[in-house]
Each structure stands twice: as structure tokens, then as C-alpha cells.
Amino acid sequence: VGRQRGSASSSSALSPTHARLCAEMSASRSDLENLAIGTICAPIFTVALQPTIFLKHARMQGLALTMDPRMLWRGTMASIGNETGQAGLQFVTTGFFKRF
């Protein structure tokens, strides 16, 4: 799959795996396939990024920074539920608009 100018897959901030998935999210995939990709990826990146989100919020609120796993992953299930819906919708919507 070739990269298009200005597409998300050409961003240097994306990992190679994420860039590949973004490039595959296209008109050649059905809405259901795009939804499945988004909902499968969301829990993975949510768990991986949860500690950084906690640390960011703690810093913004002036709280002490901690490396306690109970604090770092606090609220992970709510974040997974939130991100799964958002990522699923984002993948479906992007796949839909790539058809035009």
C-alpha cells in the first residue's frame, strides 16, 4: 500500500504498525472490517498509554507524581470503554470518506 501525501500514514509520529493499519483503512475494507480494526486496536493503545495520561493529569492538577501501578492504571476500564467506541467510529468514518 503506497503512502498518500497528507495522509495519516505519512506522519513520522506513527509507529510502523499503526501507519500500516491506517493505510489499510480504506475503501477496499467494509465498514464492519474497519469497525473491527478500530475496536481491536483501542484496548491495546489505551492500556499502553494510560500511565502517560495519568501522569499528565496529575501534573496539570499539581499532584505528586507516582509510579504506583494502582495509580498509573486507575480508570483504565473506563478509558477502554471510551476509546473503543471512539476508535471504532473513527475507523468506520475514515474508511467511509476514503471512498470519495
N, C-alpha and C. Protein backbone atom coordinates (compact mmCIF):
# COMPACT_ATOMS: atom_id res chain seq x y z
N VAL A 1 0.86 -1.18 0.00
CA VAL A 1 0.00 0.00 0.00
C VAL A 1 0.89 1.22 0.00
N GLY A 2 0.73 2.07 -0.98
CA GLY A 2 1.54 3.28 -1.08
C GLY A 2 1.02 4.38 -0.16
N ARG A 3 1.90 5.25 0.22
CA ARG A 3 1.51 6.38 1.06
C ARG A 3 1.00 7.51 0.20
N GLN A 4 -0.01 8.20 0.73
CA GLN A 4 -0.54 9.36 0.03
C GLN A 4 -0.06 10.61 0.74
N ARG A 5 0.14 11.67 0.00
CA ARG A 5 0.54 12.94 0.60
C ARG A 5 -0.54 13.43 1.53
N GLY A 6 -0.12 13.87 2.71
CA GLY A 6 -1.07 14.43 3.65
C GLY A 6 -1.90 13.41 4.40
N SER A 7 -1.68 12.13 4.15
CA SER A 7 -2.45 11.12 4.86
C SER A 7 -1.83 10.86 6.22
N ALA A 8 -2.62 10.26 7.11
CA ALA A 8 -2.13 9.97 8.46
C ALA A 8 -0.95 9.00 8.42
N SER A 9 -0.89 8.15 7.40
CA SER A 9 0.17 7.17 7.35
C SER A 9 1.53 7.78 7.01
N SER A 10 1.56 9.02 6.53
CA SER A 10 2.84 9.65 6.20
C SER A 10 3.43 10.40 7.39
N SER A 11 2.72 10.42 8.52
CA SER A 11 3.19 11.13 9.70
C SER A 11 4.34 10.36 10.33
N SER A 12 5.39 11.09 10.72
CA SER A 12 6.54 10.44 11.34
C SER A 12 6.26 10.06 12.78
N ALA A 13 5.16 10.55 13.38
CA ALA A 13 4.83 10.25 14.77
C ALA A 13 4.20 8.86 14.91
N LEU A 14 3.78 8.25 13.83
CA LEU A 14 3.13 6.95 13.91
C LEU A 14 4.14 5.82 13.92
N SER A 15 3.83 4.78 14.69
CA SER A 15 4.68 3.60 14.65
C SER A 15 4.45 2.90 13.31
N PRO A 16 5.38 2.06 12.88
CA PRO A 16 5.19 1.37 11.59
C PRO A 16 3.91 0.53 11.56
N THR A 17 3.57 -0.11 12.68
CA THR A 17 2.36 -0.93 12.73
C THR A 17 1.13 -0.05 12.60
N HIS A 18 1.09 1.06 13.33
CA HIS A 18 -0.05 1.96 13.27
C HIS A 18 -0.17 2.57 11.88
N ALA A 19 0.94 2.94 11.29
CA ALA A 19 0.91 3.50 9.94
C ALA A 19 0.37 2.50 8.94
N ARG A 20 0.75 1.24 9.09
CA ARG A 20 0.26 0.20 8.19
C ARG A 20 -1.26 0.03 8.35
N LEU A 21 -1.74 0.00 9.60
CA LEU A 21 -3.18 -0.13 9.82
C LEU A 21 -3.94 1.06 9.26
N CYS A 22 -3.39 2.26 9.43
CA CYS A 22 -4.05 3.45 8.89
C CYS A 22 -4.11 3.39 7.37
N ALA A 23 -3.04 2.91 6.75
CA ALA A 23 -3.02 2.81 5.29
C ALA A 23 -4.02 1.77 4.80
N GLU A 24 -4.21 0.70 5.58
CA GLU A 24 -5.15 -0.35 5.19
C GLU A 24 -6.60 0.06 5.38
N MET A 25 -6.83 1.09 6.19
CA MET A 25 -8.18 1.56 6.47
C MET A 25 -8.66 2.33 5.24
N SER A 26 -9.27 1.64 4.32
CA SER A 26 -9.58 2.28 3.05
C SER A 26 -10.90 1.78 2.50
N ALA A 27 -11.19 2.24 1.31
CA ALA A 27 -12.42 1.85 0.64
C ALA A 27 -12.46 0.37 0.32
N SER A 28 -11.31 -0.28 0.30
CA SER A 28 -11.29 -1.71 0.00
C SER A 28 -11.78 -2.54 1.19
N ARG A 29 -11.89 -1.93 2.36
CA ARG A 29 -12.40 -2.62 3.55
C ARG A 29 -13.85 -2.22 3.78
N SER A 30 -14.62 -3.17 4.27
CA SER A 30 -16.01 -2.86 4.58
C SER A 30 -16.08 -2.07 5.88
N ASP A 31 -17.23 -1.46 6.12
CA ASP A 31 -17.42 -0.72 7.37
C ASP A 31 -17.25 -1.64 8.57
N LEU A 32 -17.72 -2.86 8.46
CA LEU A 32 -17.59 -3.82 9.56
C LEU A 32 -16.13 -4.17 9.82
N GLU A 33 -15.35 -4.33 8.76
CA GLU A 33 -13.92 -4.62 8.93
C GLU A 33 -13.21 -3.44 9.58
N ASN A 34 -13.51 -2.21 9.13
CA ASN A 34 -12.91 -1.03 9.75
C ASN A 34 -13.31 -0.90 11.21
N LEU A 35 -14.55 -1.20 11.53
CA LEU A 35 -15.03 -1.17 12.90
C LEU A 35 -14.26 -2.18 13.75
N ALA A 36 -14.07 -3.38 13.21
CA ALA A 36 -13.35 -4.43 13.94
C ALA A 36 -11.90 -4.02 14.20
N ILE A 37 -11.23 -3.44 13.22
CA ILE A 37 -9.85 -3.00 13.40
C ILE A 37 -9.77 -1.94 14.49
N GLY A 38 -10.66 -0.97 14.44
CA GLY A 38 -10.66 0.09 15.44
C GLY A 38 -10.92 -0.41 16.85
N THR A 39 -11.91 -1.30 16.98
CA THR A 39 -12.25 -1.78 18.31
C THR A 39 -11.23 -2.77 18.86
N ILE A 40 -10.49 -3.43 18.01
CA ILE A 40 -9.43 -4.33 18.48
C ILE A 40 -8.20 -3.52 18.89
N CYS A 41 -7.89 -2.48 18.16
CA CYS A 41 -6.70 -1.66 18.46
C CYS A 41 -6.88 -0.80 19.71
N ALA A 42 -8.08 -0.32 19.96
CA ALA A 42 -8.32 0.64 21.05
C ALA A 42 -7.89 0.13 22.43
N PRO A 43 -8.27 -1.06 22.86
CA PRO A 43 -7.82 -1.50 24.19
C PRO A 43 -6.30 -1.62 24.30
N ILE A 44 -5.65 -1.97 23.21
CA ILE A 44 -4.19 -2.13 23.23
C ILE A 44 -3.52 -0.78 23.45
N PHE A 45 -3.88 0.23 22.66
CA PHE A 45 -3.22 1.52 22.84
C PHE A 45 -3.68 2.22 24.10
N THR A 46 -4.90 1.93 24.57
CA THR A 46 -5.36 2.55 25.81
C THR A 46 -4.55 2.06 27.00
N VAL A 47 -4.34 0.75 27.09
CA VAL A 47 -3.55 0.20 28.20
C VAL A 47 -2.11 0.69 28.12
N ALA A 48 -1.58 0.77 26.91
CA ALA A 48 -0.19 1.21 26.75
C ALA A 48 -0.01 2.68 27.13
N LEU A 49 -1.00 3.52 26.84
CA LEU A 49 -0.86 4.96 27.07
C LEU A 49 -1.44 5.44 28.40
N GLN A 50 -2.17 4.59 29.12
CA GLN A 50 -2.82 5.02 30.35
C GLN A 50 -1.85 5.66 31.36
N PRO A 51 -0.66 5.10 31.59
CA PRO A 51 0.24 5.75 32.55
C PRO A 51 0.63 7.17 32.14
N THR A 52 0.84 7.41 30.88
CA THR A 52 1.22 8.76 30.45
C THR A 52 0.06 9.73 30.62
N ILE A 53 -1.15 9.26 30.41
CA ILE A 53 -2.33 10.12 30.60
C ILE A 53 -2.48 10.45 32.07
N PHE A 54 -2.31 9.44 32.94
CA PHE A 54 -2.40 9.71 34.38
C PHE A 54 -1.34 10.72 34.81
N LEU A 55 -0.11 10.53 34.37
CA LEU A 55 0.96 11.45 34.76
C LEU A 55 0.70 12.87 34.25
N LYS A 56 0.17 12.99 33.05
CA LYS A 56 -0.17 14.31 32.51
C LYS A 56 -1.23 14.99 33.37
N HIS A 57 -2.27 14.25 33.72
CA HIS A 57 -3.35 14.83 34.52
C HIS A 57 -2.87 15.16 35.93
N ALA A 58 -2.06 14.30 36.52
CA ALA A 58 -1.52 14.56 37.86
C ALA A 58 -0.67 15.84 37.83
N ARG A 59 0.12 16.00 36.81
CA ARG A 59 0.98 17.19 36.68
C ARG A 59 0.13 18.46 36.51
N MET A 60 -0.91 18.36 35.70
CA MET A 60 -1.78 19.51 35.48
C MET A 60 -2.53 19.91 36.75
N GLN A 61 -2.84 18.93 37.60
CA GLN A 61 -3.58 19.20 38.83
C GLN A 61 -2.66 19.50 40.01
N GLY A 62 -1.37 19.46 39.78
CA GLY A 62 -0.42 19.75 40.84
C GLY A 62 -0.26 18.63 41.85
N LEU A 63 -0.63 17.41 41.49
CA LEU A 63 -0.49 16.26 42.38
C LEU A 63 0.91 15.70 42.29
N ALA A 64 1.29 14.96 43.32
CA ALA A 64 2.61 14.31 43.32
C ALA A 64 2.62 13.21 42.25
N LEU A 65 3.72 13.13 41.52
CA LEU A 65 3.86 12.08 40.51
C LEU A 65 4.28 10.79 41.21
N THR A 66 3.69 9.70 40.81
CA THR A 66 3.97 8.41 41.43
C THR A 66 4.11 7.35 40.35
N MET A 67 4.84 6.31 40.67
CA MET A 67 4.97 5.17 39.75
C MET A 67 4.22 3.95 40.29
N ASP A 68 3.31 4.18 41.22
CA ASP A 68 2.49 3.11 41.80
C ASP A 68 1.54 2.59 40.72
N PRO A 69 1.64 1.30 40.37
CA PRO A 69 0.78 0.76 39.30
C PRO A 69 -0.71 0.93 39.58
N ARG A 70 -1.10 0.91 40.84
CA ARG A 70 -2.52 1.11 41.18
C ARG A 70 -3.00 2.49 40.77
N MET A 71 -2.11 3.45 40.80
CA MET A 71 -2.46 4.81 40.40
C MET A 71 -2.31 5.01 38.89
N LEU A 72 -1.22 4.44 38.34
CA LEU A 72 -0.96 4.64 36.91
C LEU A 72 -2.07 4.09 36.03
N TRP A 73 -2.64 2.94 36.41
CA TRP A 73 -3.67 2.33 35.59
C TRP A 73 -5.07 2.52 36.19
N ARG A 74 -5.21 3.49 37.08
CA ARG A 74 -6.51 3.79 37.67
C ARG A 74 -7.43 4.34 36.58
N GLY A 75 -8.62 3.79 36.48
CA GLY A 75 -9.58 4.24 35.48
C GLY A 75 -9.39 3.64 34.10
N THR A 76 -8.57 2.61 34.01
CA THR A 76 -8.27 2.02 32.70
C THR A 76 -9.51 1.43 32.03
N MET A 77 -10.37 0.76 32.79
CA MET A 77 -11.56 0.14 32.19
C MET A 77 -12.50 1.21 31.60
N ALA A 78 -12.67 2.31 32.29
CA ALA A 78 -13.50 3.39 31.75
C ALA A 78 -12.86 3.97 30.49
N SER A 79 -11.53 4.11 30.51
CA SER A 79 -10.83 4.62 29.32
C SER A 79 -10.94 3.67 28.15
N ILE A 80 -10.87 2.37 28.42
CA ILE A 80 -11.01 1.37 27.35
C ILE A 80 -12.40 1.48 26.72
N GLY A 81 -13.43 1.57 27.56
CA GLY A 81 -14.79 1.71 27.02
C GLY A 81 -14.94 2.96 26.18
N ASN A 82 -14.38 4.06 26.64
CA ASN A 82 -14.45 5.32 25.91
C ASN A 82 -13.68 5.25 24.60
N GLU A 83 -12.44 4.81 24.66
CA GLU A 83 -11.59 4.78 23.46
C GLU A 83 -12.06 3.75 22.43
N THR A 84 -12.63 2.63 22.88
CA THR A 84 -13.09 1.61 21.94
C THR A 84 -14.20 2.17 21.05
N GLY A 85 -15.14 2.87 21.66
CA GLY A 85 -16.21 3.47 20.87
C GLY A 85 -15.69 4.53 19.92
N GLN A 86 -14.78 5.37 20.43
CA GLN A 86 -14.24 6.44 19.59
C GLN A 86 -13.41 5.90 18.43
N ALA A 87 -12.54 4.94 18.72
CA ALA A 87 -11.68 4.39 17.66
C ALA A 87 -12.50 3.63 16.63
N GLY A 88 -13.49 2.86 17.09
CA GLY A 88 -14.36 2.15 16.15
C GLY A 88 -15.05 3.12 15.21
N LEU A 89 -15.62 4.19 15.77
CA LEU A 89 -16.30 5.20 14.96
C LEU A 89 -15.33 5.92 14.03
N GLN A 90 -14.14 6.21 14.53
CA GLN A 90 -13.15 6.89 13.71
C GLN A 90 -12.73 6.04 12.52
N PHE A 91 -12.49 4.75 12.74
CA PHE A 91 -12.08 3.87 11.65
C PHE A 91 -13.20 3.73 10.62
N VAL A 92 -14.44 3.57 11.08
CA VAL A 92 -15.57 3.45 10.15
C VAL A 92 -15.72 4.73 9.34
N THR A 93 -15.67 5.87 10.02
CA THR A 93 -15.85 7.15 9.34
C THR A 93 -14.74 7.42 8.32
N THR A 94 -13.51 7.15 8.72
CA THR A 94 -12.39 7.37 7.79
C THR A 94 -12.49 6.46 6.59
N GLY A 95 -12.83 5.19 6.81
CA GLY A 95 -13.00 4.25 5.71
C GLY A 95 -14.11 4.70 4.77
N PHE A 96 -15.18 5.25 5.34
CA PHE A 96 -16.30 5.74 4.54
C PHE A 96 -15.87 6.90 3.65
N PHE A 97 -15.17 7.87 4.25
CA PHE A 97 -14.77 9.06 3.49
C PHE A 97 -13.65 8.77 2.48
N LYS A 98 -12.88 7.72 2.68
CA LYS A 98 -11.84 7.38 1.70
C LYS A 98 -12.44 6.83 0.42
N ARG A 99 -13.71 6.49 0.44
CA ARG A 99 -14.36 6.00 -0.78
C ARG A 99 -14.63 7.13 -1.77
N PHE A 100 -14.58 8.37 -1.30
CA PHE A 100 -14.89 9.51 -2.17
C PHE A 100 -13.68 10.07 -2.83
